[in-house]
Protein backbone atom coordinates (compact mmCIF):
# COMPACT_ATOMS: atom_id res chain seq x y z
CA MET A 1 35.78 150.27 39.94
CA ASN A 2 38.31 152.47 38.21
CA LEU A 3 39.86 154.79 40.77
CA THR A 4 40.88 158.35 39.94
CA LEU A 5 43.95 160.01 41.44
CA SER A 6 41.80 162.45 43.41
CA ASN A 7 39.75 159.58 44.94
CA TYR A 8 42.97 157.67 45.64
CA LYS A 9 44.40 160.69 47.51
CA ARG A 10 41.20 160.99 49.53
CA LEU A 11 41.32 157.29 50.48
CA ALA A 12 45.05 157.46 51.30
CA LYS A 13 44.28 159.87 54.15
CA ASP A 14 42.35 157.17 56.03
CA TYR A 15 43.51 153.81 54.66
CA SER A 16 46.85 152.01 54.46
CA LEU A 17 45.78 149.55 51.73
CA ILE A 18 43.87 150.61 48.65
CA PRO A 19 42.83 148.03 46.04
CA VAL A 20 43.23 149.51 42.56
CA CYS A 21 41.20 147.57 39.97
CA HIS A 22 40.60 147.39 36.26
CA LYS A 23 37.91 145.15 34.78
CA ILE A 24 37.85 143.77 31.24
CA LEU A 25 35.83 141.14 29.36
CA ALA A 26 37.34 137.66 29.41
CA ASP A 27 36.29 136.86 25.81
CA THR A 28 38.81 134.19 24.70
CA GLU A 29 41.11 134.34 27.72
CA THR A 30 41.09 131.52 30.28
CA PRO A 31 42.89 131.23 33.60
CA VAL A 32 45.34 128.75 32.07
CA THR A 33 46.19 130.94 29.08
CA ALA A 34 46.65 133.93 31.38
CA LEU A 35 48.88 131.86 33.69
CA GLN A 36 51.09 130.96 30.72
CA ARG A 37 51.86 134.66 30.26
CA PHE A 38 53.55 134.66 33.68
CA SER A 39 55.30 131.28 33.40
CA ASP A 40 58.76 132.87 33.72
CA SER A 41 57.84 134.64 36.96
CA ALA A 42 58.86 133.19 40.32
CA ASN A 43 56.11 131.90 42.62
CA VAL A 44 53.23 132.72 40.25
CA PHE A 45 50.19 130.60 41.14
CA LEU A 46 46.72 129.67 39.97
CA LEU A 47 44.11 129.16 42.64
CA GLU A 48 40.93 127.52 41.38
CA SER A 49 37.85 126.92 43.45
CA ILE A 50 35.45 124.01 43.43
CA GLU A 51 32.12 124.04 45.23
CA GLY A 52 30.76 120.83 46.66
CA GLY A 53 33.55 118.82 45.04
CA GLU A 54 31.77 118.82 41.69
CA MET A 55 31.01 122.34 40.48
CA TRP A 56 33.48 125.02 39.41
CA GLY A 57 33.56 127.94 41.79
CA ARG A 58 32.89 131.48 40.69
CA TYR A 59 36.45 132.81 40.80
CA SER A 60 39.88 131.77 39.57
CA PHE A 61 42.87 133.69 40.95
CA ILE A 62 46.31 134.15 39.43
CA GLY A 63 48.85 135.58 41.85
CA VAL A 64 51.49 137.70 40.14
CA ASP A 65 54.86 138.60 41.72
CA PRO A 66 54.07 137.22 45.18
CA GLN A 67 56.82 137.54 47.76
CA VAL A 68 57.87 134.71 50.05
CA TYR A 69 56.50 135.81 53.39
CA LEU A 70 57.16 132.85 55.63
CA GLU A 71 58.93 129.53 55.22
CA ILE A 72 59.20 127.10 58.10
CA ASP A 73 61.32 123.97 58.27
CA HIS A 74 59.41 121.57 60.52
CA THR A 75 62.41 119.33 61.17
CA MET A 76 63.97 121.89 63.51
CA PRO A 77 63.86 120.73 67.15
CA ASP A 78 63.18 124.19 68.57
CA ARG A 79 59.39 124.26 68.83
CA ALA A 80 59.42 127.77 70.27
CA GLU A 81 61.07 129.06 67.10
CA LYS A 82 58.51 127.36 64.88
CA LYS A 83 55.65 128.67 66.98
CA SER A 84 56.93 132.20 66.55
CA GLY A 85 57.10 131.49 62.79
CA LEU A 86 53.42 130.67 62.56
CA GLU A 87 52.63 133.49 64.98
CA ALA A 88 54.21 135.83 62.40
CA LEU A 89 51.35 134.94 60.07
CA ARG A 90 48.93 136.82 62.31
CA SER A 91 50.97 140.00 62.04
CA VAL A 92 50.82 140.27 58.23
CA TYR A 93 47.80 142.55 58.12
CA ARG A 94 47.30 143.31 61.80
CA ASP A 95 47.59 147.10 61.47
CA VAL A 96 46.32 147.38 57.90
CA LYS A 97 43.24 149.45 57.30
CA MET A 98 41.74 148.50 53.95
CA ALA A 99 39.77 150.93 51.82
CA PRO A 100 36.27 149.62 51.09
CA THR A 101 35.97 148.56 47.45
CA PRO A 102 32.53 147.29 46.43
CA GLY A 103 32.38 144.57 43.82
CA LEU A 104 35.57 142.73 44.71
CA PRO A 105 35.62 139.03 45.58
CA ARG A 106 36.31 138.24 49.25
CA PHE A 107 39.91 137.35 48.36
CA PHE A 108 41.70 140.13 46.51
CA GLY A 109 45.19 139.80 47.99
CA GLY A 110 46.82 138.54 51.13
CA VAL A 111 48.66 135.41 52.13
CA VAL A 112 48.43 132.09 50.29
CA GLY A 113 50.46 128.92 50.47
CA PHE A 114 50.54 125.62 52.22
CA ILE A 115 51.07 124.37 55.72
CA GLY A 116 52.80 121.01 55.66
CA TYR A 117 51.42 118.01 57.50
CA GLU A 118 54.36 118.12 59.92
CA ALA A 119 53.15 121.51 61.16
CA VAL A 120 50.72 119.60 63.39
CA GLY A 121 53.73 119.37 65.73
CA GLU A 122 53.17 123.07 66.38
CA PHE A 123 49.87 122.25 68.09
CA GLU A 124 50.25 118.67 69.31
CA ARG A 125 53.06 116.95 71.17
CA LEU A 126 54.48 114.66 68.49
CA PRO A 127 57.95 113.33 67.69
CA PHE A 128 59.91 115.28 65.12
CA PRO A 129 59.73 113.95 61.56
CA LYS A 130 62.54 111.63 60.55
CA VAL A 131 63.79 112.79 57.17
CA ALA A 132 67.35 111.39 57.09
CA GLY A 133 67.97 109.79 53.70
CA SER A 134 64.65 111.07 52.36
CA SER A 135 64.03 113.63 49.65
CA ILE A 136 60.98 114.88 51.56
CA GLN A 137 61.38 118.29 53.15
CA PRO A 138 58.65 118.95 55.70
CA ARG A 139 58.00 122.65 55.19
CA SER A 140 55.31 125.23 55.28
CA ARG A 141 55.56 128.06 52.81
CA LEU A 142 53.39 131.15 52.58
CA LEU A 143 53.44 133.92 49.98
CA LYS A 144 52.19 137.49 50.30
CA VAL A 145 50.39 138.56 47.13
CA ASP A 146 49.38 142.12 46.29
CA LYS A 147 48.79 141.63 42.54
CA LEU A 148 46.01 139.38 41.29
CA VAL A 149 44.31 138.58 38.02
CA VAL A 150 40.82 137.43 38.98
CA PHE A 151 38.56 135.56 36.58
CA ASP A 152 34.85 135.80 37.34
CA ASN A 153 33.54 132.59 35.79
CA VAL A 154 29.91 133.74 36.08
CA CYS A 155 30.22 137.22 34.53
CA HIS A 156 33.06 136.21 32.16
CA THR A 157 35.22 139.13 33.24
CA ILE A 158 38.79 139.58 34.37
CA THR A 159 39.62 142.00 37.17
CA ILE A 160 43.22 143.06 37.62
CA ILE A 161 43.77 144.02 41.24
CA VAL A 162 46.81 145.73 42.72
CA CYS A 163 46.81 146.23 46.49
CA SER A 164 48.51 149.58 46.86
CA HIS A 165 50.21 150.72 50.07
CA PRO A 166 50.40 154.53 49.76
CA SER A 167 52.52 155.04 52.87
CA GLU A 168 55.27 152.79 51.45
CA ALA A 169 55.80 154.89 48.30
CA ALA A 170 57.84 158.05 47.84
CA SER A 171 54.59 159.96 47.24
CA ILE A 172 50.89 159.28 46.94
CA GLU A 173 51.08 160.09 43.23
CA LYS A 174 53.88 157.53 42.80
CA ALA A 175 51.88 154.87 44.68
CA TYR A 176 48.88 155.52 42.44
CA THR A 177 50.95 155.48 39.24
CA ASP A 178 52.68 152.25 40.23
CA ALA A 179 49.34 150.59 40.99
CA CYS A 180 47.79 151.69 37.70
């Protein structure tokens, strides 16, 4: 899984996104203790999975340094504007060509967040939410994450994944160095 600079350069010729990974044993680390290390960071998140409502899933994901990608206020009366907001979600990785990286979980970076209940107004003809005098803010918020700490709860390993975008760096060497 460890990627050398020469392999990175070879992949950068054909791919716009290259996952750079480093795997370690989890030993005494847990997703919660790892999350505490990033508690001062904005938007850090822990995504746990449950299978069948009763069993822990295989992976736990900690998103590090995610960027706010899309935030929609669903109280705005201009439905066309909101539709274009959710349409923007489709464009996040439209032209991205990802380098194949065997051994990664299906989710190793991308967009995470929540779509508020009021977003149903994007698809159905409903009255706008009435929020006057309420502390409720009907919003949808999505984050783009390129750095993940992934706990494999079956193999008891931690994989640190950085989704590198070589074309966005000053040089391929700089992109590789930043990802490592």
